[in-house]
Amino acid sequence: MSSTEMPFLEHIEELRRRLLIILVALGISTVIGSIFTEQIINMLSQPVGGLGNLQSIEVTENVGVFMRVALTTGVLLAMPVIVYQLLMFVVPGLLPNEKKWVYLAVPLATLLFAGGVVFTYFVLLPPAVNFLLQFLGVATTPRISNYIGFITNLMFWIGISFETPLLVFILARLKVVTGKQLLKGWRIAIVLAAVFAAAVTPTVDPVNMGLLMLPMMVLYIISVFLAFLAR
């Protein structure tokens, strides 16, 4: 085997090992999350007035909802391990003075993701659910699978969007982007935020889109500041 092939194969093996650790951690965290899943489902149902205002029409629907919430909880609990393993896959190629910034990303990424989930539940979800249930004035009893599905999807993607400042800071430290580039691209950022808000929010009315776009633009401003700080 040539010397040019060996590093590539070692790189693939390292990636495989990291992904295996992530899967094991996700499995363990999902099992732990399943212990609290019933209480979490009860909490998620509060915006519609509790589980009594939801319905299930399929035999396996409740089991599917339980597994979805358990897995989502598992992702949140395993976030430190996921971020650490992904960053450690990159760290060997970094300089010693760059590695310390990457290590700080592990707790920060977890906190930012959790912050996005909390923001979704307390700020974005109540007006969105209220709008959906009262639209056209038709009495609505949501299916539990549909309701929990769009809530967990919303929480996940908004949690991911809250990682933007940290990602930009790391990219700036690695000299991939600069604060000046981000500052000049503010118009593009607004368009991308609008597209993301339209794709993620359960409704496309200006109020709910604005509730998501506003924190995203604040996150973008913070990202620009961190990019300048990182350089």
Protein backbone atom coordinates (compact mmCIF):
# COMPACT_ATOMS: atom_id res chain seq x y z
CA MET A 1 0.00 0.00 0.00
CA SER A 2 1.35 3.41 -0.96
CA SER A 3 2.12 6.11 1.55
CA THR A 4 -0.54 8.36 0.01
CA GLU A 5 -3.31 5.82 0.57
CA MET A 6 -2.52 4.96 4.17
CA PRO A 7 -3.38 8.35 5.74
CA PHE A 8 -6.71 8.40 3.89
CA LEU A 9 -7.63 4.92 5.14
CA GLU A 10 -6.62 5.87 8.67
CA HIS A 11 -8.80 8.96 8.36
CA ILE A 12 -11.80 6.82 7.36
CA GLU A 13 -11.14 4.41 10.22
CA GLU A 14 -10.97 7.31 12.67
CA LEU A 15 -14.29 8.64 11.37
CA ARG A 16 -15.87 5.20 11.70
CA ARG A 17 -14.68 4.93 15.31
CA ARG A 18 -16.01 8.38 16.17
CA LEU A 19 -19.40 7.65 14.62
CA LEU A 20 -19.60 4.34 16.51
CA ILE A 21 -18.99 6.17 19.81
CA ILE A 22 -21.72 8.66 18.88
CA LEU A 23 -24.18 5.84 18.14
CA VAL A 24 -23.41 4.10 21.44
CA ALA A 25 -23.81 7.36 23.37
CA LEU A 26 -27.05 8.10 21.53
CA GLY A 27 -28.38 4.64 22.36
CA ILE A 28 -27.56 5.00 26.06
CA SER A 29 -28.98 8.54 26.25
CA THR A 30 -32.16 7.43 24.46
CA VAL A 31 -32.68 4.66 27.03
CA ILE A 32 -32.19 7.21 29.82
CA GLY A 33 -34.49 9.65 28.05
CA SER A 34 -37.22 7.01 27.77
CA ILE A 35 -37.49 7.03 31.57
CA PHE A 36 -38.75 10.62 31.43
CA THR A 37 -40.53 10.45 28.08
CA GLU A 38 -44.05 10.25 29.48
CA GLN A 39 -43.52 13.36 31.60
CA ILE A 40 -41.96 15.17 28.62
CA ILE A 41 -44.94 14.31 26.39
CA ASN A 42 -47.27 15.69 29.06
CA MET A 43 -45.20 18.89 29.14
CA LEU A 44 -45.17 19.22 25.34
CA SER A 45 -48.95 18.87 25.24
CA GLN A 46 -49.53 21.86 27.53
CA PRO A 47 -49.78 24.43 24.68
CA VAL A 48 -52.94 22.63 23.49
CA GLY A 49 -54.32 22.19 27.00
CA GLY A 50 -52.93 18.74 27.80
CA LEU A 51 -53.11 15.22 26.40
CA GLY A 52 -56.89 15.25 26.70
CA ASN A 53 -57.04 17.64 23.73
CA LEU A 54 -55.08 15.28 21.47
CA GLN A 55 -56.25 12.13 19.74
CA SER A 56 -54.73 8.92 18.43
CA ILE A 57 -56.37 7.03 15.57
CA GLU A 58 -53.82 4.30 14.83
CA VAL A 59 -52.85 1.29 16.94
CA THR A 60 -49.11 2.02 16.85
CA GLU A 61 -49.39 5.82 16.95
CA ASN A 62 -48.77 6.25 20.67
CA VAL A 63 -45.75 3.95 20.57
CA GLY A 64 -44.33 5.91 17.64
CA VAL A 65 -44.76 9.17 19.51
CA PHE A 66 -43.10 7.71 22.60
CA MET A 67 -40.08 6.56 20.56
CA ARG A 68 -39.79 9.89 18.74
CA VAL A 69 -39.74 11.89 21.97
CA ALA A 70 -37.31 9.42 23.60
CA LEU A 71 -34.93 9.74 20.63
CA THR A 72 -35.18 13.53 20.60
CA THR A 73 -34.43 13.59 24.31
CA GLY A 74 -31.54 11.24 23.70
CA VAL A 75 -30.05 13.60 21.10
CA LEU A 76 -30.21 16.47 23.58
CA LEU A 77 -28.60 14.40 26.36
CA ALA A 78 -25.91 13.06 24.04
CA MET A 79 -25.12 16.47 22.53
CA PRO A 80 -21.86 16.93 24.49
CA VAL A 81 -20.57 13.55 23.26
CA ILE A 82 -21.71 14.21 19.68
CA VAL A 83 -20.03 17.63 19.54
CA TYR A 84 -16.87 16.35 21.25
CA GLN A 85 -16.43 13.41 18.89
CA LEU A 86 -17.03 15.49 15.77
CA LEU A 87 -14.60 18.16 16.94
CA MET A 88 -11.97 15.59 17.93
CA PHE A 89 -12.16 14.29 14.39
CA VAL A 90 -11.02 17.77 13.26
CA VAL A 91 -8.63 18.59 16.12
CA PRO A 92 -5.63 16.50 14.91
CA GLY A 93 -5.27 18.85 11.94
CA LEU A 94 -5.26 22.00 14.07
CA LEU A 95 -2.42 23.91 15.68
CA PRO A 96 -2.06 23.72 19.48
CA ASN A 97 -3.25 27.32 19.95
CA GLU A 98 -6.36 26.52 17.88
CA LYS A 99 -7.33 23.41 19.83
CA LYS A 100 -8.20 25.27 23.03
CA TRP A 101 -10.97 27.15 21.23
CA VAL A 102 -12.39 23.91 19.91
CA TYR A 103 -12.51 22.37 23.39
CA LEU A 104 -14.58 25.31 24.61
CA ALA A 105 -17.12 24.54 21.90
CA VAL A 106 -18.36 21.35 23.60
CA PRO A 107 -20.20 22.91 26.58
CA LEU A 108 -21.13 26.01 24.59
CA ALA A 109 -22.69 23.98 21.78
CA THR A 110 -24.78 22.05 24.29
CA LEU A 111 -25.97 25.22 26.02
CA LEU A 112 -26.81 26.93 22.73
CA PHE A 113 -28.80 23.95 21.47
CA ALA A 114 -30.69 23.73 24.76
CA GLY A 115 -31.31 27.48 24.56
CA GLY A 116 -32.89 27.06 21.15
CA VAL A 117 -35.15 24.31 22.47
CA VAL A 118 -36.23 26.45 25.44
CA PHE A 119 -36.84 29.46 23.17
CA THR A 120 -39.04 27.34 20.90
CA TYR A 121 -41.15 25.97 23.74
CA PHE A 122 -41.74 29.20 25.67
CA VAL A 123 -41.68 31.89 22.94
CA LEU A 124 -42.43 30.48 19.50
CA LEU A 125 -44.71 27.52 20.22
CA PRO A 126 -47.62 29.15 22.13
CA PRO A 127 -48.55 31.74 19.43
CA ALA A 128 -47.96 29.20 16.64
CA VAL A 129 -50.24 26.58 18.22
CA ASN A 130 -52.87 29.22 19.03
CA PHE A 131 -52.87 30.41 15.40
CA LEU A 132 -53.19 26.87 14.03
CA LEU A 133 -56.02 25.81 16.35
CA GLN A 134 -58.07 28.97 15.75
CA PHE A 135 -57.49 29.26 12.00
CA LEU A 136 -60.83 29.56 10.12
CA GLY A 137 -62.64 29.15 13.43
CA VAL A 138 -62.95 25.38 12.95
CA ALA A 139 -62.83 23.15 16.05
CA THR A 140 -59.58 21.17 15.86
CA THR A 141 -58.46 18.11 17.79
CA PRO A 142 -54.87 17.43 16.65
CA ARG A 143 -53.49 13.94 16.21
CA ILE A 144 -50.79 13.31 18.77
CA SER A 145 -48.31 12.06 16.14
CA ASN A 146 -48.77 15.15 13.97
CA TYR A 147 -48.62 17.54 16.92
CA ILE A 148 -45.54 16.00 18.59
CA GLY A 149 -43.91 15.58 15.18
CA PHE A 150 -43.93 19.24 14.23
CA ILE A 151 -43.01 20.35 17.78
CA THR A 152 -39.91 18.13 17.98
CA ASN A 153 -38.95 19.07 14.41
CA LEU A 154 -39.29 22.76 15.29
CA MET A 155 -37.25 22.39 18.48
CA PHE A 156 -34.48 20.47 16.74
CA TRP A 157 -33.93 22.86 13.83
CA ILE A 158 -34.17 26.01 15.93
CA GLY A 159 -31.75 24.43 18.40
CA ILE A 160 -29.38 23.84 15.47
CA SER A 161 -29.79 27.46 14.32
CA PHE A 162 -28.73 28.66 17.78
CA GLU A 163 -25.34 27.04 17.13
CA THR A 164 -24.57 29.70 14.47
CA PRO A 165 -22.43 32.04 16.62
CA LEU A 166 -20.26 29.18 17.83
CA LEU A 167 -19.83 27.77 14.33
CA VAL A 168 -18.89 31.18 12.94
CA PHE A 169 -16.40 31.75 15.76
CA ILE A 170 -14.66 28.44 15.03
CA LEU A 171 -14.60 29.14 11.28
CA ALA A 172 -13.16 32.59 11.96
CA ARG A 173 -10.45 31.09 14.19
CA LEU A 174 -9.61 28.70 11.36
CA LYS A 175 -9.51 31.70 8.97
CA VAL A 176 -12.30 30.35 6.80
CA VAL A 177 -14.48 33.45 7.22
CA THR A 178 -13.91 36.99 8.47
CA GLY A 179 -16.08 39.52 10.26
CA LYS A 180 -15.78 41.89 7.29
CA GLN A 181 -17.16 39.23 4.93
CA LEU A 182 -20.10 38.57 7.23
CA LEU A 183 -20.77 42.27 7.69
CA LYS A 184 -20.92 42.80 3.94
CA GLY A 185 -23.27 39.84 3.54
CA TRP A 186 -26.02 41.09 5.86
CA ARG A 187 -28.56 41.26 3.01
CA ILE A 188 -27.93 37.62 2.14
CA ALA A 189 -28.26 36.75 5.84
CA ILE A 190 -31.72 38.34 5.98
CA VAL A 191 -32.87 36.38 2.93
CA LEU A 192 -31.49 33.11 4.33
CA ALA A 193 -33.12 33.79 7.71
CA ALA A 194 -36.47 34.39 5.99
CA VAL A 195 -36.17 31.18 3.97
CA PHE A 196 -35.19 29.20 7.07
CA ALA A 197 -38.04 30.70 9.09
CA ALA A 198 -40.55 29.89 6.35
CA ALA A 199 -39.30 26.30 6.13
CA VAL A 200 -39.14 25.60 9.86
CA THR A 201 -42.11 27.43 11.38
CA PRO A 202 -45.42 25.54 11.34
CA THR A 203 -47.15 28.60 9.89
CA VAL A 204 -45.91 31.17 7.39
CA ASP A 205 -47.72 34.16 8.86
CA PRO A 206 -45.53 37.24 9.46
CA VAL A 207 -45.91 37.06 13.26
CA ASN A 208 -44.47 33.58 13.69
CA MET A 209 -41.82 34.13 11.02
CA GLY A 210 -40.84 37.37 12.77
CA LEU A 211 -40.58 35.58 16.12
CA LEU A 212 -37.96 33.30 14.59
CA MET A 213 -36.22 35.79 12.29
CA LEU A 214 -35.61 38.31 15.07
CA PRO A 215 -33.45 36.02 17.27
CA MET A 216 -31.75 34.67 14.13
CA MET A 217 -30.66 38.17 13.12
CA VAL A 218 -29.52 38.82 16.69
CA LEU A 219 -27.50 35.60 16.47
CA TYR A 220 -26.05 36.81 13.16
CA ILE A 221 -24.97 40.11 14.72
CA ILE A 222 -23.36 38.19 17.59
CA SER A 223 -21.66 35.96 15.00
CA VAL A 224 -20.19 39.00 13.22
CA PHE A 225 -18.87 40.33 16.53
CA LEU A 226 -17.36 36.95 17.43
CA ALA A 227 -15.76 36.70 13.99
CA PHE A 228 -13.97 40.01 14.57
CA LEU A 229 -13.06 38.89 18.09
CA ALA A 230 -11.71 35.57 16.87
CA ARG A 231 -9.29 37.27 14.47
